[in-house]
C-alpha atoms as a PDB file:
ATOM      1  CA  MET A   1       0.000   0.000   0.000  1.00  0.00           C
ATOM      2  CA  PHE A   2       2.949   2.330   0.558  1.00  0.00           C
ATOM      3  CA  TYR A   3       3.828   1.868  -3.113  1.00  0.00           C
ATOM      4  CA  ASP A   4       0.251   2.843  -4.013  1.00  0.00           C
ATOM      5  CA  HIS A   5       0.920   6.122  -2.215  1.00  0.00           C
ATOM      6  CA  PHE A   6       4.062   6.811  -4.230  1.00  0.00           C
ATOM      7  CA  LEU A   7       2.397   5.830  -7.491  1.00  0.00           C
ATOM      8  CA  ALA A   8      -0.454   8.244  -6.760  1.00  0.00           C
ATOM      9  CA  CYS A   9       2.000  11.002  -5.787  1.00  0.00           C
ATOM     10  CA  ASP A  10       4.138  10.489  -8.892  1.00  0.00           C
ATOM     11  CA  TRP A  11       1.245   9.730 -11.244  1.00  0.00           C
ATOM     12  CA  ARG A  12       2.094  12.481 -13.754  1.00  0.00           C
ATOM     13  CA  ARG A  13       5.516  10.873 -14.334  1.00  0.00           C
ATOM     14  CA  TYR A  14       3.834   7.723 -15.611  1.00  0.00           C
ATOM     15  CA  SER A  15       0.641   8.785 -17.346  1.00  0.00           C
ATOM     16  CA  GLU A  16      -0.671  11.562 -19.539  1.00  0.00           C
ATOM     17  CA  ALA A  17      -4.111  11.089 -17.989  1.00  0.00           C
ATOM     18  CA  THR A  18      -4.726  12.662 -14.613  1.00  0.00           C
ATOM     19  CA  LEU A  19      -5.113  10.383 -11.621  1.00  0.00           C
ATOM     20  CA  GLU A  20      -8.680  11.666 -11.322  1.00  0.00           C
ATOM     21  CA  ASP A  21      -9.502  10.653 -14.915  1.00  0.00           C
ATOM     22  CA  PHE A  22      -7.837   7.256 -14.508  1.00  0.00           C
ATOM     23  CA  SER A  23      -9.666   6.641 -11.235  1.00  0.00           C
ATOM     24  CA  SER A  24     -12.989   7.611 -12.791  1.00  0.00           C
ATOM     25  CA  ALA A  25     -12.404   5.101 -15.594  1.00  0.00           C
ATOM     26  CA  VAL A  26     -11.547   2.364 -13.078  1.00  0.00           C
ATOM     27  CA  TYR A  27     -14.638   3.144 -11.026  1.00  0.00           C
ATOM     28  CA  ALA A  28     -16.779   3.069 -14.187  1.00  0.00           C
ATOM     29  CA  SER A  29     -15.359  -0.376 -14.996  1.00  0.00           C
ATOM     30  CA  PHE A  30     -16.465  -1.560 -11.547  1.00  0.00           C
ATOM     31  CA  GLU A  31     -19.995  -0.450 -12.283  1.00  0.00           C
ATOM     32  CA  ALA A  32     -19.955  -2.002 -15.759  1.00  0.00           C
ATOM     33  CA  ALA A  33     -18.972  -5.372 -14.268  1.00  0.00           C
ATOM     34  CA  ARG A  34     -21.363  -5.166 -11.306  1.00  0.00           C
ATOM     35  CA  GLU A  35     -23.806  -7.787 -12.631  1.00  0.00           C
ATOM     36  CA  GLU A  36     -20.990 -10.320 -13.042  1.00  0.00           C
ATOM     37  CA  LEU A  37     -19.643  -9.895  -9.509  1.00  0.00           C
ATOM     38  CA  PRO A  38     -20.648 -11.582  -6.283  1.00  0.00           C
ATOM     39  CA  PRO A  39     -22.791  -9.195  -4.210  1.00  0.00           C
ATOM     40  CA  ALA A  40     -20.107  -8.753  -1.532  1.00  0.00           C
ATOM     41  CA  ALA A  41     -17.509  -7.765  -4.148  1.00  0.00           C
ATOM     42  CA  ALA A  42     -19.925  -5.344  -5.832  1.00  0.00           C
ATOM     43  CA  THR A  43     -20.667  -3.749  -2.464  1.00  0.00           C
ATOM     44  CA  ARG A  44     -16.961  -3.377  -1.653  1.00  0.00           C
ATOM     45  CA  LEU A  45     -16.248  -1.832  -5.061  1.00  0.00           C
ATOM     46  CA  ARG A  46     -19.066   0.693  -4.534  1.00  0.00           C
ATOM     47  CA  GLN A  47     -17.434   1.620  -1.204  1.00  0.00           C
ATOM     48  CA  ILE A  48     -14.068   2.061  -2.919  1.00  0.00           C
ATOM     49  CA  THR A  49     -15.694   4.289  -5.523  1.00  0.00           C
ATOM     50  CA  SER A  50     -17.636   6.421  -3.061  1.00  0.00           C
ATOM     51  CA  ALA A  51     -14.497   6.947  -0.949  1.00  0.00           C
ATOM     52  CA  ASP A  52     -12.453   7.732  -4.085  1.00  0.00           C
ATOM     53  CA  LEU A  53      -9.859   5.422  -2.624  1.00  0.00           C
ATOM     54  CA  LEU A  54      -7.402   5.599  -5.525  1.00  0.00           C
ATOM     55  CA  CYS A  55      -7.051   9.370  -5.328  1.00  0.00           C
ATOM     56  CA  SER A  56      -7.024   9.313  -1.525  1.00  0.00           C
ATOM     57  CA  TYR A  57      -3.761   7.367  -1.635  1.00  0.00           C
ATOM     58  CA  ARG A  58      -1.880  10.556  -2.582  1.00  0.00           C
ATOM     59  CA  GLU A  59      -2.143  11.617   1.039  1.00  0.00           C
ATOM     60  CA  VAL A  60      -0.472   9.703   3.869  1.00  0.00           C
ATOM     61  CA  GLU A  61      -3.716  10.104   5.789  1.00  0.00           C
ATOM     62  CA  GLY A  62      -5.566   8.284   3.000  1.00  0.00           C
ATOM     63  CA  ILE A  63      -3.160   5.369   3.313  1.00  0.00           C
ATOM     64  CA  ARG A  64      -3.585   5.398   7.096  1.00  0.00           C
ATOM     65  CA  ARG A  65      -7.395   5.256   6.806  1.00  0.00           C
ATOM     66  CA  ALA A  66      -7.236   2.413   4.282  1.00  0.00           C
ATOM     67  CA  LEU A  67      -4.827   0.411   6.444  1.00  0.00           C
ATOM     68  CA  GLU A  68      -6.952   0.947   9.545  1.00  0.00           C
ATOM     69  CA  LYS A  69     -10.084  -0.250   7.742  1.00  0.00           C
ATOM     70  CA  MET A  70      -8.233  -3.227   6.331  1.00  0.00           C
ATOM     71  CA  GLY A  71      -6.879  -4.124   9.760  1.00  0.00           C
ATOM     72  CA  VAL A  72     -10.306  -4.309  11.386  1.00  0.00           C
ATOM     73  CA  ARG A  73     -11.662  -6.547   8.609  1.00  0.00           C
ATOM     74  CA  LEU A  74      -9.081  -9.262   9.309  1.00  0.00           C
ATOM     75  CA  ARG A  75     -10.134 -12.409  11.162  1.00  0.00           C
ATOM     76  CA  ARG A  76      -7.866 -11.239  13.972  1.00  0.00           C
ATOM     77  CA  PRO A  77      -7.840  -7.435  13.840  1.00  0.00           C
ATOM     78  CA  VAL A  78      -4.421  -5.824  13.498  1.00  0.00           C
ATOM     79  CA  ALA A  79      -3.602  -2.135  14.006  1.00  0.00           C
ATOM     80  CA  LEU A  80      -2.194  -1.735  10.479  1.00  0.00           C
ATOM     81  CA  GLY A  81      -2.549   2.032  10.642  1.00  0.00           C
ATOM     82  CA  LYS A  82       0.349   2.155  13.067  1.00  0.00           C
ATOM     83  CA  SER A  83       2.680   1.187  10.209  1.00  0.00           C
ATOM     84  CA  ILE A  84       2.354   4.771   8.952  1.00  0.00           C
ATOM     85  CA  ALA A  85       5.022   5.697  11.506  1.00  0.00           C
ATOM     86  CA  ASP A  86       7.466   3.536   9.507  1.00  0.00           C
ATOM     87  CA  LEU A  87       6.404   5.205   6.268  1.00  0.00           C
ATOM     88  CA  GLU A  88       6.946   8.640   7.740  1.00  0.00           C
ATOM     89  CA  ARG A  89      10.252   7.711   9.378  1.00  0.00           C
ATOM     90  CA  HIS A  90      11.693   6.153   6.196  1.00  0.00           C
ATOM     91  CA  TYR A  91       9.726   8.111   3.599  1.00  0.00           C
ATOM     92  CA  ASP A  92      12.635   8.948   1.287  1.00  0.00           C
ATOM     93  CA  ALA A  93      13.997   5.385   1.370  1.00  0.00           C
ATOM     94  CA  PHE A  94      10.561   3.905   0.593  1.00  0.00           C
ATOM     95  CA  HIS A  95      10.128   6.419  -2.222  1.00  0.00           C
ATOM     96  CA  ALA A  96      13.521   5.574  -3.722  1.00  0.00           C
ATOM     97  CA  ASP A  97      12.729   1.868  -3.475  1.00  0.00           C
ATOM     98  CA  PHE A  98       9.375   2.393  -5.203  1.00  0.00           C
ATOM     99  CA  THR A  99      11.000   4.424  -7.991  1.00  0.00           C
ATOM    100  CA  GLU A 100      13.545   1.670  -8.650  1.00  0.00           C
ATOM    101  CA  PHE A 101      10.938  -1.098  -8.441  1.00  0.00           C
ATOM    102  CA  PHE A 102       8.471   0.664 -10.727  1.00  0.00           C
ATOM    103  CA  ALA A 103      11.134   1.294 -13.371  1.00  0.00           C
ATOM    104  CA  GLU A 104      11.994  -2.412 -13.321  1.00  0.00           C
ATOM    105  CA  LEU A 105       8.321  -3.365 -13.473  1.00  0.00           C
ATOM    106  CA  ARG A 106       7.695  -1.120 -16.480  1.00  0.00           C
ATOM    107  CA  ALA A 107      10.755  -2.527 -18.263  1.00  0.00           C
ATOM    108  CA  TYR A 108       9.563  -6.085 -17.594  1.00  0.00           C
ATOM    109  CA  VAL A 109       6.082  -5.340 -18.908  1.00  0.00           C
ATOM    110  CA  ALA A 110       7.544  -3.698 -22.030  1.00  0.00           C
ATOM    111  CA  ARG A 111       9.698  -6.794 -22.681  1.00  0.00           C
ATOM    112  CA  THR A 112       6.773  -9.176 -22.273  1.00  0.00           C
ATOM    113  CA  GLN A 113       4.631  -7.187 -24.706  1.00  0.00           C
ATOM    114  CA  GLU A 114       7.153  -7.382 -27.538  1.00  0.00           C
END
């Protein structure tokens, strides 16, 4: 999820579309597939859409909220939101790691599409 934050923050480096436009297209695809999804999945995707989760990841607070909600849904709840302290403490190192990883991922995808 930390990488989702950096992707959202750096979105303009990787796409000509805005994060808002991309997110809107993703949310529209959720709705288009609604009839094919189990009811629980459709409900969860509506929640993601209404919270504009993808755009909320640009902010550390958005990541914190998502982690906290995820943590309480686990069979044995875990205080995942507390991991934000690690993100904040090592922000630059996580960001550098994401940048390196994402470059490698894009290169791999380009190779596999040849």
